[in-house]
PDB file of N, CA and C in Angstrom:
ATOM      1  N   MET A   1     -39.505 -13.258 -36.589  1.00  0.00           N
ATOM      2  CA  MET A   1     -40.199 -13.579 -37.818  1.00  0.00           C
ATOM      3  C   MET A   1     -39.501 -12.984 -39.028  1.00  0.00           C
ATOM      4  N   SER A   2     -38.563 -12.074 -38.852  1.00  0.00           N
ATOM      5  CA  SER A   2     -37.903 -11.488 -40.015  1.00  0.00           C
ATOM      6  C   SER A   2     -37.136 -12.546 -40.796  1.00  0.00           C
ATOM      7  N   PHE A   3     -36.601 -13.554 -40.111  1.00  0.00           N
ATOM      8  CA  PHE A   3     -35.932 -14.653 -40.791  1.00  0.00           C
ATOM      9  C   PHE A   3     -36.918 -15.408 -41.671  1.00  0.00           C
ATOM     10  N   ALA A   4     -38.131 -15.654 -41.156  1.00  0.00           N
ATOM     11  CA  ALA A   4     -39.162 -16.347 -41.932  1.00  0.00           C
ATOM     12  C   ALA A   4     -39.523 -15.552 -43.179  1.00  0.00           C
ATOM     13  N   LYS A   5     -39.593 -14.228 -43.054  1.00  0.00           N
ATOM     14  CA  LYS A   5     -39.885 -13.387 -44.216  1.00  0.00           C
ATOM     15  C   LYS A   5     -38.801 -13.529 -45.264  1.00  0.00           C
ATOM     16  N   CYS A   6     -37.560 -13.559 -44.819  1.00  0.00           N
ATOM     17  CA  CYS A   6     -36.422 -13.660 -45.730  1.00  0.00           C
ATOM     18  C   CYS A   6     -36.431 -14.982 -46.486  1.00  0.00           C
ATOM     19  N   VAL A   7     -36.624 -16.090 -45.785  1.00  0.00           N
ATOM     20  CA  VAL A   7     -36.587 -17.383 -46.464  1.00  0.00           C
ATOM     21  C   VAL A   7     -37.804 -17.567 -47.358  1.00  0.00           C
ATOM     22  N   GLU A   8     -38.943 -17.031 -46.932  1.00  0.00           N
ATOM     23  CA  GLU A   8     -40.149 -17.149 -47.749  1.00  0.00           C
ATOM     24  C   GLU A   8     -39.973 -16.388 -49.058  1.00  0.00           C
ATOM     25  N   ARG A   9     -39.372 -15.230 -48.996  1.00  0.00           N
ATOM     26  CA  ARG A   9     -39.129 -14.424 -50.202  1.00  0.00           C
ATOM     27  C   ARG A   9     -38.164 -15.118 -51.156  1.00  0.00           C
ATOM     28  N   ASN A  10     -37.297 -15.960 -50.622  1.00  0.00           N
ATOM     29  CA  ASN A  10     -36.306 -16.645 -51.440  1.00  0.00           C
ATOM     30  C   ASN A  10     -36.750 -18.046 -51.844  1.00  0.00           C
ATOM     31  N   GLY A  11     -38.038 -18.342 -51.703  1.00  0.00           N
ATOM     32  CA  GLY A  11     -38.596 -19.581 -52.220  1.00  0.00           C
ATOM     33  C   GLY A  11     -38.509 -20.788 -51.309  1.00  0.00           C
ATOM     34  N   PHE A  12     -38.106 -20.610 -50.075  1.00  0.00           N
ATOM     35  CA  PHE A  12     -38.035 -21.732 -49.151  1.00  0.00           C
ATOM     36  C   PHE A  12     -39.406 -21.989 -48.537  1.00  0.00           C
ATOM     37  N   GLU A  13     -39.628 -23.217 -48.136  1.00  0.00           N
ATOM     38  CA  GLU A  13     -40.858 -23.574 -47.421  1.00  0.00           C
ATOM     39  C   GLU A  13     -40.636 -23.301 -45.937  1.00  0.00           C
ATOM     40  N   VAL A  14     -41.626 -22.697 -45.280  1.00  0.00           N
ATOM     41  CA  VAL A  14     -41.517 -22.377 -43.855  1.00  0.00           C
ATOM     42  C   VAL A  14     -42.406 -23.342 -43.072  1.00  0.00           C
ATOM     43  N   ILE A  15     -41.763 -24.129 -42.193  1.00  0.00           N
ATOM     44  CA  ILE A  15     -42.473 -25.060 -41.314  1.00  0.00           C
ATOM     45  C   ILE A  15     -42.233 -24.587 -39.887  1.00  0.00           C
ATOM     46  N   MET A  16     -43.304 -24.421 -39.119  1.00  0.00           N
ATOM     47  CA  MET A  16     -43.162 -23.930 -37.756  1.00  0.00           C
ATOM     48  C   MET A  16     -43.816 -24.896 -36.777  1.00  0.00           C
ATOM     49  N   PHE A  17     -43.098 -25.169 -35.707  1.00  0.00           N
ATOM     50  CA  PHE A  17     -43.646 -25.867 -34.554  1.00  0.00           C
ATOM     51  C   PHE A  17     -43.890 -24.791 -33.511  1.00  0.00           C
ATOM     52  N   TYR A  18     -45.148 -24.526 -33.201  1.00  0.00           N
ATOM     53  CA  TYR A  18     -45.492 -23.524 -32.197  1.00  0.00           C
ATOM     54  C   TYR A  18     -45.871 -24.263 -30.924  1.00  0.00           C
ATOM     55  N   VAL A  19     -45.083 -24.055 -29.886  1.00  0.00           N
ATOM     56  CA  VAL A  19     -45.322 -24.708 -28.603  1.00  0.00           C
ATOM     57  C   VAL A  19     -45.832 -23.648 -27.644  1.00  0.00           C
ATOM     58  N   GLY A  20     -47.029 -23.861 -27.123  1.00  0.00           N
ATOM     59  CA  GLY A  20     -47.621 -22.863 -26.251  1.00  0.00           C
ATOM     60  C   GLY A  20     -48.264 -23.470 -25.026  1.00  0.00           C
ATOM     61  N   LEU A  21     -48.640 -22.605 -24.141  1.00  0.00           N
ATOM     62  CA  LEU A  21     -49.340 -22.974 -22.909  1.00  0.00           C
ATOM     63  C   LEU A  21     -50.627 -22.179 -22.831  1.00  0.00           C
ATOM     64  N   GLY A  22     -51.655 -22.795 -22.306  1.00  0.00           N
ATOM     65  CA  GLY A  22     -52.908 -22.088 -22.133  1.00  0.00           C
ATOM     66  C   GLY A  22     -52.871 -21.109 -20.973  1.00  0.00           C
ATOM     67  N   ASP A  23     -52.011 -21.353 -20.007  1.00  0.00           N
ATOM     68  CA  ASP A  23     -51.969 -20.535 -18.799  1.00  0.00           C
ATOM     69  C   ASP A  23     -50.533 -20.091 -18.535  1.00  0.00           C
ATOM     70  N   VAL A  24     -50.295 -18.810 -18.570  1.00  0.00           N
ATOM     71  CA  VAL A  24     -48.954 -18.270 -18.373  1.00  0.00           C
ATOM     72  C   VAL A  24     -48.398 -18.620 -16.997  1.00  0.00           C
ATOM     73  N   ARG A  25     -49.284 -18.830 -16.020  1.00  0.00           N
ATOM     74  CA  ARG A  25     -48.803 -19.181 -14.671  1.00  0.00           C
ATOM     75  C   ARG A  25     -48.034 -20.497 -14.659  1.00  0.00           C
ATOM     76  N   LEU A  26     -48.402 -21.420 -15.536  1.00  0.00           N
ATOM     77  CA  LEU A  26     -47.676 -22.686 -15.628  1.00  0.00           C
ATOM     78  C   LEU A  26     -46.247 -22.439 -16.085  1.00  0.00           C
ATOM     79  N   ASN A  27     -46.056 -21.528 -17.018  1.00  0.00           N
ATOM     80  CA  ASN A  27     -44.716 -21.185 -17.476  1.00  0.00           C
ATOM     81  C   ASN A  27     -43.895 -20.580 -16.339  1.00  0.00           C
ATOM     82  N   ILE A  28     -44.510 -19.692 -15.579  1.00  0.00           N
ATOM     83  CA  ILE A  28     -43.828 -19.064 -14.439  1.00  0.00           C
ATOM     84  C   ILE A  28     -43.433 -20.122 -13.417  1.00  0.00           C
ATOM     85  N   GLU A  29     -44.329 -21.044 -13.127  1.00  0.00           N
ATOM     86  CA  GLU A  29     -44.044 -22.109 -12.151  1.00  0.00           C
ATOM     87  C   GLU A  29     -42.902 -23.002 -12.625  1.00  0.00           C
ATOM     88  N   ARG A  30     -42.878 -23.329 -13.915  1.00  0.00           N
ATOM     89  CA  ARG A  30     -41.815 -24.193 -14.452  1.00  0.00           C
ATOM     90  C   ARG A  30     -40.452 -23.519 -14.361  1.00  0.00           C
ATOM     91  N   VAL A  31     -40.394 -22.254 -14.700  1.00  0.00           N
ATOM     92  CA  VAL A  31     -39.118 -21.541 -14.605  1.00  0.00           C
ATOM     93  C   VAL A  31     -38.693 -21.420 -13.146  1.00  0.00           C
ATOM     94  N   ALA A  32     -39.645 -21.132 -12.271  1.00  0.00           N
ATOM     95  CA  ALA A  32     -39.332 -21.018 -10.846  1.00  0.00           C
ATOM     96  C   ALA A  32     -38.767 -22.326 -10.307  1.00  0.00           C
ATOM     97  N   ALA A  33     -39.307 -23.439 -10.746  1.00  0.00           N
ATOM     98  CA  ALA A  33     -38.798 -24.739 -10.305  1.00  0.00           C
ATOM     99  C   ALA A  33     -37.360 -24.951 -10.764  1.00  0.00           C
ATOM    100  N   ARG A  34     -37.025 -24.459 -11.959  1.00  0.00           N
ATOM    101  CA  ARG A  34     -35.659 -24.624 -12.489  1.00  0.00           C
ATOM    102  C   ARG A  34     -34.636 -23.788 -11.733  1.00  0.00           C
ATOM    103  N   VAL A  35     -35.087 -22.666 -11.210  1.00  0.00           N
ATOM    104  CA  VAL A  35     -34.136 -21.760 -10.564  1.00  0.00           C
ATOM    105  C   VAL A  35     -34.365 -21.656  -9.054  1.00  0.00           C
ATOM    106  N   ARG A  36     -35.095 -22.591  -8.509  1.00  0.00           N
ATOM    107  CA  ARG A  36     -35.476 -22.514  -7.098  1.00  0.00           C
ATOM    108  C   ARG A  36     -34.273 -22.305  -6.169  1.00  0.00           C
ATOM    109  N   ASN A  37     -33.147 -22.918  -6.468  1.00  0.00           N
ATOM    110  CA  ASN A  37     -31.979 -22.811  -5.598  1.00  0.00           C
ATOM    111  C   ASN A  37     -31.079 -21.631  -5.962  1.00  0.00           C
ATOM    112  N   ALA A  38     -31.420 -20.916  -6.989  1.00  0.00           N
ATOM    113  CA  ALA A  38     -30.618 -19.753  -7.386  1.00  0.00           C
ATOM    114  C   ALA A  38     -31.249 -18.483  -6.833  1.00  0.00           C
ATOM    115  N   VAL A  39     -30.466 -17.439  -6.771  1.00  0.00           N
ATOM    116  CA  VAL A  39     -30.975 -16.160  -6.289  1.00  0.00           C
ATOM    117  C   VAL A  39     -31.378 -15.341  -7.516  1.00  0.00           C
ATOM    118  N   ILE A  40     -32.566 -15.655  -8.039  1.00  0.00           N
ATOM    119  CA  ILE A  40     -33.079 -14.968  -9.221  1.00  0.00           C
ATOM    120  C   ILE A  40     -34.500 -14.528  -8.912  1.00  0.00           C
ATOM    121  N   ILE A  41     -34.787 -13.296  -9.215  1.00  0.00           N
ATOM    122  CA  ILE A  41     -36.134 -12.782  -9.026  1.00  0.00           C
ATOM    123  C   ILE A  41     -36.860 -12.878 -10.363  1.00  0.00           C
ATOM    124  N   LEU A  42     -37.967 -13.576 -10.361  1.00  0.00           N
ATOM    125  CA  LEU A  42     -38.742 -13.733 -11.591  1.00  0.00           C
ATOM    126  C   LEU A  42     -39.724 -12.577 -11.720  1.00  0.00           C
ATOM    127  N   ASN A  43     -39.620 -11.880 -12.801  1.00  0.00           N
ATOM    128  CA  ASN A  43     -40.538 -10.786 -13.063  1.00  0.00           C
ATOM    129  C   ASN A  43     -41.721 -11.342 -13.856  1.00  0.00           C
ATOM    130  N   GLN A  44     -42.849 -11.493 -13.180  1.00  0.00           N
ATOM    131  CA  GLN A  44     -44.014 -12.103 -13.814  1.00  0.00           C
ATOM    132  C   GLN A  44     -44.546 -11.266 -14.967  1.00  0.00           C
ATOM    133  N   LEU A  45     -44.319  -9.979 -14.946  1.00  0.00           N
ATOM    134  CA  LEU A  45     -44.773  -9.131 -16.050  1.00  0.00           C
ATOM    135  C   LEU A  45     -44.084  -9.502 -17.357  1.00  0.00           C
ATOM    136  N   ILE A  46     -42.819  -9.910 -17.268  1.00  0.00           N
ATOM    137  CA  ILE A  46     -42.096 -10.335 -18.474  1.00  0.00           C
ATOM    138  C   ILE A  46     -42.775 -11.563 -19.071  1.00  0.00           C
ATOM    139  N   PHE A  47     -43.154 -12.512 -18.239  1.00  0.00           N
ATOM    140  CA  PHE A  47     -43.817 -13.719 -18.731  1.00  0.00           C
ATOM    141  C   PHE A  47     -45.162 -13.401 -19.365  1.00  0.00           C
ATOM    142  N   LEU A  48     -45.908 -12.524 -18.713  1.00  0.00           N
ATOM    143  CA  LEU A  48     -47.205 -12.137 -19.265  1.00  0.00           C
ATOM    144  C   LEU A  48     -47.043 -11.482 -20.637  1.00  0.00           C
ATOM    145  N   ARG A  49     -46.089 -10.573 -20.753  1.00  0.00           N
ATOM    146  CA  ARG A  49     -45.860  -9.889 -22.022  1.00  0.00           C
ATOM    147  C   ARG A  49     -45.442 -10.880 -23.114  1.00  0.00           C
ATOM    148  N   ARG A  50     -44.505 -11.753 -22.799  1.00  0.00           N
ATOM    149  CA  ARG A  50     -44.029 -12.729 -23.784  1.00  0.00           C
ATOM    150  C   ARG A  50     -45.126 -13.699 -24.193  1.00  0.00           C
ATOM    151  N   HIS A  51     -45.935 -14.093 -23.231  1.00  0.00           N
ATOM    152  CA  HIS A  51     -47.020 -15.036 -23.495  1.00  0.00           C
ATOM    153  C   HIS A  51     -47.968 -14.454 -24.547  1.00  0.00           C
ATOM    154  N   HIS A  52     -48.388 -13.224 -24.360  1.00  0.00           N
ATOM    155  CA  HIS A  52     -49.325 -12.587 -25.282  1.00  0.00           C
ATOM    156  C   HIS A  52     -48.646 -12.180 -26.593  1.00  0.00           C
ATOM    157  N   THR A  53     -47.413 -11.702 -26.518  1.00  0.00           N
ATOM    158  CA  THR A  53     -46.688 -11.276 -27.719  1.00  0.00           C
ATOM    159  C   THR A  53     -46.409 -12.453 -28.638  1.00  0.00           C
ATOM    160  N   SER A  54     -46.086 -13.580 -28.069  1.00  0.00           N
ATOM    161  CA  SER A  54     -45.781 -14.763 -28.868  1.00  0.00           C
ATOM    162  C   SER A  54     -46.965 -15.162 -29.743  1.00  0.00           C
ATOM    163  N   LEU A  55     -48.127 -15.282 -29.149  1.00  0.00           N
ATOM    164  CA  LEU A  55     -49.321 -15.662 -29.907  1.00  0.00           C
ATOM    165  C   LEU A  55     -49.699 -14.570 -30.910  1.00  0.00           C
ATOM    166  N   LYS A  56     -49.588 -13.327 -30.490  1.00  0.00           N
ATOM    167  CA  LYS A  56     -49.898 -12.206 -31.375  1.00  0.00           C
ATOM    168  C   LYS A  56     -48.997 -12.231 -32.611  1.00  0.00           C
ATOM    169  N   ASN A  57     -47.708 -12.497 -32.417  1.00  0.00           N
ATOM    170  CA  ASN A  57     -46.777 -12.563 -33.547  1.00  0.00           C
ATOM    171  C   ASN A  57     -47.081 -13.739 -34.465  1.00  0.00           C
ATOM    172  N   LEU A  58     -47.446 -14.863 -33.880  1.00  0.00           N
ATOM    173  CA  LEU A  58     -47.810 -16.016 -34.705  1.00  0.00           C
ATOM    174  C   LEU A  58     -48.986 -15.663 -35.603  1.00  0.00           C
ATOM    175  N   LEU A  59     -50.039 -15.110 -35.027  1.00  0.00           N
ATOM    176  CA  LEU A  59     -51.240 -14.783 -35.801  1.00  0.00           C
ATOM    177  C   LEU A  59     -50.954 -13.722 -36.859  1.00  0.00           C
ATOM    178  N   LYS A  60     -50.112 -12.780 -36.528  1.00  0.00           N
ATOM    179  CA  LYS A  60     -49.765 -11.700 -37.461  1.00  0.00           C
ATOM    180  C   LYS A  60     -49.015 -12.228 -38.683  1.00  0.00           C
ATOM    181  N   HIS A  61     -48.236 -13.289 -38.498  1.00  0.00           N
ATOM    182  CA  HIS A  61     -47.364 -13.775 -39.568  1.00  0.00           C
ATOM    183  C   HIS A  61     -47.782 -15.134 -40.136  1.00  0.00           C
ATOM    184  N   LEU A  62     -49.026 -15.528 -39.919  1.00  0.00           N
ATOM    185  CA  LEU A  62     -49.487 -16.812 -40.451  1.00  0.00           C
ATOM    186  C   LEU A  62     -49.299 -16.924 -41.960  1.00  0.00           C
ATOM    187  N   ASN A  63     -49.386 -15.807 -42.645  1.00  0.00           N
ATOM    188  CA  ASN A  63     -49.246 -15.830 -44.101  1.00  0.00           C
ATOM    189  C   ASN A  63     -47.850 -16.273 -44.557  1.00  0.00           C
ATOM    190  N   LEU A  64     -46.863 -16.243 -43.662  1.00  0.00           N
ATOM    191  CA  LEU A  64     -45.504 -16.656 -44.006  1.00  0.00           C
ATOM    192  C   LEU A  64     -45.255 -18.145 -43.775  1.00  0.00           C
ATOM    193  N   ILE A  65     -46.203 -18.809 -43.122  1.00  0.00           N
ATOM    194  CA  ILE A  65     -45.983 -20.193 -42.688  1.00  0.00           C
ATOM    195  C   ILE A  65     -46.692 -21.151 -43.640  1.00  0.00           C
ATOM    196  N   ASP A  66     -45.911 -22.064 -44.229  1.00  0.00           N
ATOM    197  CA  ASP A  66     -46.482 -23.045 -45.145  1.00  0.00           C
ATOM    198  C   ASP A  66     -47.092 -24.235 -44.403  1.00  0.00           C
ATOM    199  N   HIS A  67     -46.466 -24.631 -43.322  1.00  0.00           N
ATOM    200  CA  HIS A  67     -46.950 -25.771 -42.538  1.00  0.00           C
ATOM    201  C   HIS A  67     -46.749 -25.437 -41.066  1.00  0.00           C
ATOM    202  N   LEU A  68     -47.831 -25.526 -40.289  1.00  0.00           N
ATOM    203  CA  LEU A  68     -47.794 -25.185 -38.872  1.00  0.00           C
ATOM    204  C   LEU A  68     -48.248 -26.374 -38.047  1.00  0.00           C
ATOM    205  N   ILE A  69     -47.492 -26.662 -37.005  1.00  0.00           N
ATOM    206  CA  ILE A  69     -47.866 -27.686 -36.028  1.00  0.00           C
ATOM    207  C   ILE A  69     -47.949 -26.980 -34.677  1.00  0.00           C
ATOM    208  N   VAL A  70     -49.118 -27.045 -34.044  1.00  0.00           N
ATOM    209  CA  VAL A  70     -49.338 -26.374 -32.759  1.00  0.00           C
ATOM    210  C   VAL A  70     -49.348 -27.432 -31.658  1.00  0.00           C
ATOM    211  N   ILE A  71     -48.481 -27.236 -30.680  1.00  0.00           N
ATOM    212  CA  ILE A  71     -48.331 -28.182 -29.573  1.00  0.00           C
ATOM    213  C   ILE A  71     -48.701 -27.487 -28.274  1.00  0.00           C
ATOM    214  N   ASP A  72     -49.610 -28.105 -27.515  1.00  0.00           N
ATOM    215  CA  ASP A  72     -49.971 -27.600 -26.197  1.00  0.00           C
ATOM    216  C   ASP A  72     -49.023 -28.233 -25.192  1.00  0.00           C
ATOM    217  N   ASN A  73     -48.207 -27.418 -24.572  1.00  0.00           N
ATOM    218  CA  ASN A  73     -47.192 -27.895 -23.646  1.00  0.00           C
ATOM    219  C   ASN A  73     -47.637 -27.784 -22.192  1.00  0.00           C
ATOM    220  N   SER A  74     -48.947 -27.760 -21.967  1.00  0.00           N
ATOM    221  CA  SER A  74     -49.468 -27.640 -20.609  1.00  0.00           C
ATOM    222  C   SER A  74     -49.230 -28.895 -19.785  1.00  0.00           C
ATOM    223  N   SER A  75     -49.187 -30.045 -20.438  1.00  0.00           N
ATOM    224  CA  SER A  75     -48.890 -31.291 -19.721  1.00  0.00           C
ATOM    225  C   SER A  75     -47.403 -31.596 -19.881  1.00  0.00           C
ATOM    226  N   THR A  76     -46.922 -32.550 -19.128  1.00  0.00           N
ATOM    227  CA  THR A  76     -45.506 -32.897 -19.216  1.00  0.00           C
ATOM    228  C   THR A  76     -45.162 -33.556 -20.548  1.00  0.00           C
ATOM    229  N   GLU A  77     -46.141 -34.134 -21.195  1.00  0.00           N
ATOM    230  CA  GLU A  77     -45.909 -34.812 -22.470  1.00  0.00           C
ATOM    231  C   GLU A  77     -45.941 -33.855 -23.660  1.00  0.00           C
ATOM    232  N   GLY A  78     -46.787 -32.850 -23.601  1.00  0.00           N
ATOM    233  CA  GLY A  78     -47.001 -31.988 -24.758  1.00  0.00           C
ATOM    234  C   GLY A  78     -47.870 -32.725 -25.768  1.00  0.00           C
ATOM    235  N   GLU A  79     -48.898 -32.083 -26.265  1.00  0.00           N
ATOM    236  CA  GLU A  79     -49.817 -32.729 -27.200  1.00  0.00           C
ATOM    237  C   GLU A  79     -49.967 -31.897 -28.460  1.00  0.00           C
ATOM    238  N   ILE A  80     -49.903 -32.568 -29.610  1.00  0.00           N
ATOM    239  CA  ILE A  80     -50.167 -31.877 -30.864  1.00  0.00           C
ATOM    240  C   ILE A  80     -51.659 -31.596 -30.921  1.00  0.00           C
ATOM    241  N   MET A  81     -52.008 -30.333 -31.061  1.00  0.00           N
ATOM    242  CA  MET A  81     -53.400 -29.914 -31.103  1.00  0.00           C
ATOM    243  C   MET A  81     -53.912 -29.802 -32.533  1.00  0.00           C
ATOM    244  N   LEU A  82     -53.083 -29.250 -33.407  1.00  0.00           N
ATOM    245  CA  LEU A  82     -53.510 -29.130 -34.797  1.00  0.00           C
ATOM    246  C   LEU A  82     -52.302 -29.021 -35.711  1.00  0.00           C
ATOM    247  N   GLU A  83     -52.535 -29.369 -36.960  1.00  0.00           N
ATOM    248  CA  GLU A  83     -51.567 -29.180 -38.036  1.00  0.00           C
ATOM    249  C   GLU A  83     -52.295 -28.475 -39.159  1.00  0.00           C
ATOM    250  N   ALA A  84     -51.597 -27.601 -39.832  1.00  0.00           N
ATOM    251  CA  ALA A  84     -52.230 -26.878 -40.928  1.00  0.00           C
ATOM    252  C   ALA A  84     -51.211 -26.579 -42.008  1.00  0.00           C
ATOM    253  N   ASP A  85     -51.695 -26.603 -43.233  1.00  0.00           N
ATOM    254  CA  ASP A  85     -50.918 -26.075 -44.341  1.00  0.00           C
ATOM    255  C   ASP A  85     -51.775 -25.012 -44.995  1.00  0.00           C
ATOM    256  N   ARG A  86     -51.465 -24.641 -46.192  1.00  0.00           N
ATOM    257  CA  ARG A  86     -52.204 -23.548 -46.830  1.00  0.00           C
ATOM    258  C   ARG A  86     -53.570 -23.974 -47.368  1.00  0.00           C
ATOM    259  N   GLU A  87     -53.882 -25.267 -47.281  1.00  0.00           N
ATOM    260  CA  GLU A  87     -55.170 -25.752 -47.783  1.00  0.00           C
ATOM    261  C   GLU A  87     -56.009 -26.460 -46.731  1.00  0.00           C
ATOM    262  N   THR A  88     -55.370 -27.159 -45.805  1.00  0.00           N
ATOM    263  CA  THR A  88     -56.123 -27.971 -44.855  1.00  0.00           C
ATOM    264  C   THR A  88     -55.698 -27.684 -43.414  1.00  0.00           C
ATOM    265  N   ILE A  89     -56.627 -27.976 -42.519  1.00  0.00           N
ATOM    266  CA  ILE A  89     -56.370 -27.879 -41.083  1.00  0.00           C
ATOM    267  C   ILE A  89     -56.849 -29.183 -40.463  1.00  0.00           C
ATOM    268  N   LYS A  90     -55.979 -29.818 -39.695  1.00  0.00           N
ATOM    269  CA  LYS A  90     -56.340 -31.075 -39.034  1.00  0.00           C
ATOM    270  C   LYS A  90     -56.276 -30.865 -37.526  1.00  0.00           C
ATOM    271  N   ASN A  91     -57.431 -30.992 -36.870  1.00  0.00           N
ATOM    272  CA  ASN A  91     -57.487 -30.897 -35.413  1.00  0.00           C
ATOM    273  C   ASN A  91     -57.324 -32.293 -34.828  1.00  0.00           C
ATOM    274  N   TYR A  92     -56.492 -32.402 -33.799  1.00  0.00           N
ATOM    275  CA  TYR A  92     -56.267 -33.685 -33.142  1.00  0.00           C
ATOM    276  C   TYR A  92     -57.152 -33.885 -31.926  1.00  0.00           C
ATOM    277  N   GLU A  93     -57.763 -32.840 -31.461  1.00  0.00           N
ATOM    278  CA  GLU A  93     -58.648 -32.916 -30.297  1.00  0.00           C
ATOM    279  C   GLU A  93     -60.005 -32.345 -30.689  1.00  0.00           C
ATOM    280  N   LYS A  94     -61.077 -32.950 -30.183  1.00  0.00           N
ATOM    281  CA  LYS A  94     -62.417 -32.425 -30.474  1.00  0.00           C
ATOM    282  C   LYS A  94     -62.629 -31.082 -29.801  1.00  0.00           C
ATOM    283  N   LEU A  95     -62.110 -30.943 -28.591  1.00  0.00           N
ATOM    284  CA  LEU A  95     -62.250 -29.695 -27.851  1.00  0.00           C
ATOM    285  C   LEU A  95     -60.865 -29.068 -27.721  1.00  0.00           C
ATOM    286  N   LEU A  96     -60.622 -28.033 -28.510  1.00  0.00           N
ATOM    287  CA  LEU A  96     -59.336 -27.343 -28.477  1.00  0.00           C
ATOM    288  C   LEU A  96     -59.317 -26.327 -27.345  1.00  0.00           C
ATOM    289  N   PRO A  97     -58.159 -26.157 -26.694  1.00  0.00           N
ATOM    290  CA  PRO A  97     -58.049 -25.069 -25.713  1.00  0.00           C
ATOM    291  C   PRO A  97     -58.349 -23.732 -26.393  1.00  0.00           C
ATOM    292  N   GLU A  98     -58.795 -22.771 -25.610  1.00  0.00           N
ATOM    293  CA  GLU A  98     -59.213 -21.479 -26.168  1.00  0.00           C
ATOM    294  C   GLU A  98     -58.113 -20.821 -27.004  1.00  0.00           C
ATOM    295  N   TRP A  99     -56.868 -20.877 -26.520  1.00  0.00           N
ATOM    296  CA  TRP A  99     -55.786 -20.224 -27.269  1.00  0.00           C
ATOM    297  C   TRP A  99     -55.538 -20.921 -28.602  1.00  0.00           C
ATOM    298  N   VAL A 100     -55.785 -22.240 -28.677  1.00  0.00           N
ATOM    299  CA  VAL A 100     -55.619 -22.972 -29.943  1.00  0.00           C
ATOM    300  C   VAL A 100     -56.817 -22.688 -30.852  1.00  0.00           C
ATOM    301  N   GLN A 101     -58.002 -22.532 -30.269  1.00  0.00           N
ATOM    302  CA  GLN A 101     -59.174 -22.157 -31.068  1.00  0.00           C
ATOM    303  C   GLN A 101     -58.921 -20.837 -31.794  1.00  0.00           C
ATOM    304  N   ASN A 102     -58.251 -19.927 -31.132  1.00  0.00           N
ATOM    305  CA  ASN A 102     -57.911 -18.636 -31.732  1.00  0.00           C
ATOM    306  C   ASN A 102     -57.013 -18.831 -32.964  1.00  0.00           C
ATOM    307  N   ILE A 103     -56.020 -19.681 -32.850  1.00  0.00           N
ATOM    308  CA  ILE A 103     -55.135 -19.986 -33.981  1.00  0.00           C
ATOM    309  C   ILE A 103     -55.933 -20.653 -35.090  1.00  0.00           C
ATOM    310  N   ASP A 104     -56.755 -21.623 -34.721  1.00  0.00           N
ATOM    311  CA  ASP A 104     -57.579 -22.356 -35.689  1.00  0.00           C
ATOM    312  C   ASP A 104     -58.465 -21.394 -36.490  1.00  0.00           C
ATOM    313  N   SER A 105     -59.087 -20.458 -35.800  1.00  0.00           N
ATOM    314  CA  SER A 105     -59.955 -19.479 -36.445  1.00  0.00           C
ATOM    315  C   SER A 105     -59.177 -18.619 -37.451  1.00  0.00           C
ATOM    316  N   HIS A 106     -58.013 -18.160 -37.049  1.00  0.00           N
ATOM    317  CA  HIS A 106     -57.183 -17.351 -37.945  1.00  0.00           C
ATOM    318  C   HIS A 106     -56.697 -18.166 -39.149  1.00  0.00           C
ATOM    319  N   LEU A 107     -56.382 -19.439 -38.914  1.00  0.00           N
ATOM    320  CA  LEU A 107     -55.964 -20.300 -40.042  1.00  0.00           C
ATOM    321  C   LEU A 107     -57.091 -20.486 -41.042  1.00  0.00           C
ATOM    322  N   LYS A 108     -58.309 -20.678 -40.542  1.00  0.00           N
ATOM    323  CA  LYS A 108     -59.458 -20.848 -41.440  1.00  0.00           C
ATOM    324  C   LYS A 108     -59.659 -19.591 -42.295  1.00  0.00           C
ATOM    325  N   THR A 109     -59.543 -18.433 -41.656  1.00  0.00           N
ATOM    326  CA  THR A 109     -59.674 -17.178 -42.407  1.00  0.00           C
ATOM    327  C   THR A 109     -58.568 -17.061 -43.449  1.00  0.00           C
ATOM    328  N   ARG A 110     -57.335 -17.357 -43.046  1.00  0.00           N
ATOM    329  CA  ARG A 110     -56.216 -17.296 -43.983  1.00  0.00           C
ATOM    330  C   ARG A 110     -56.420 -18.230 -45.168  1.00  0.00           C
ATOM    331  N   ASN A 111     -56.772 -19.476 -44.875  1.00  0.00           N
ATOM    332  CA  ASN A 111     -56.934 -20.453 -45.950  1.00  0.00           C
ATOM    333  C   ASN A 111     -58.095 -20.098 -46.873  1.00  0.00           C
ATOM    334  N   ASN A 112     -59.188 -19.557 -46.327  1.00  0.00           N
ATOM    335  CA  ASN A 112     -60.310 -19.115 -47.164  1.00  0.00           C
ATOM    336  C   ASN A 112     -59.888 -17.964 -48.067  1.00  0.00           C
ATOM    337  N   ASP A 113     -59.077 -17.062 -47.541  1.00  0.00           N
ATOM    338  CA  ASP A 113     -58.615 -15.938 -48.345  1.00  0.00           C
ATOM    339  C   ASP A 113     -57.685 -16.390 -49.472  1.00  0.00           C
ATOM    340  N   LEU A 114     -56.946 -17.482 -49.236  1.00  0.00           N
ATOM    341  CA  LEU A 114     -56.014 -17.992 -50.248  1.00  0.00           C
ATOM    342  C   LEU A 114     -56.716 -18.762 -51.350  1.00  0.00           C
ATOM    343  N   ASN A 115     -57.863 -19.350 -51.026  1.00  0.00           N
ATOM    344  CA  ASN A 115     -58.556 -20.209 -52.009  1.00  0.00           C
ATOM    345  C   ASN A 115     -59.700 -19.519 -52.689  1.00  0.00           C
TER     346      ASN A 115
END
């Protein structure tokens, strides 16, 4: 996010595509499938840490993002769940996954604080 801070300070618009999964186990399974024939030991703790850190960093730095598109990559297609700028939030699904609801809630707070 330090790059985002730098460009934001210099007047650039920050657009982020955040691609996430609701279940970290799906990420572990996908990586395991890619390396199934290799001799690599997957440390599940690394995935758990990255999964939580990624969302935590997004929420911490929402103030730097001018336009955010959140994509749920749980299916093979990937689905846009919401788009937001500094004034509006557009949900594409009536029932958002819990992790996207968390982002949505933080965006609403951010946008209310800005207006």
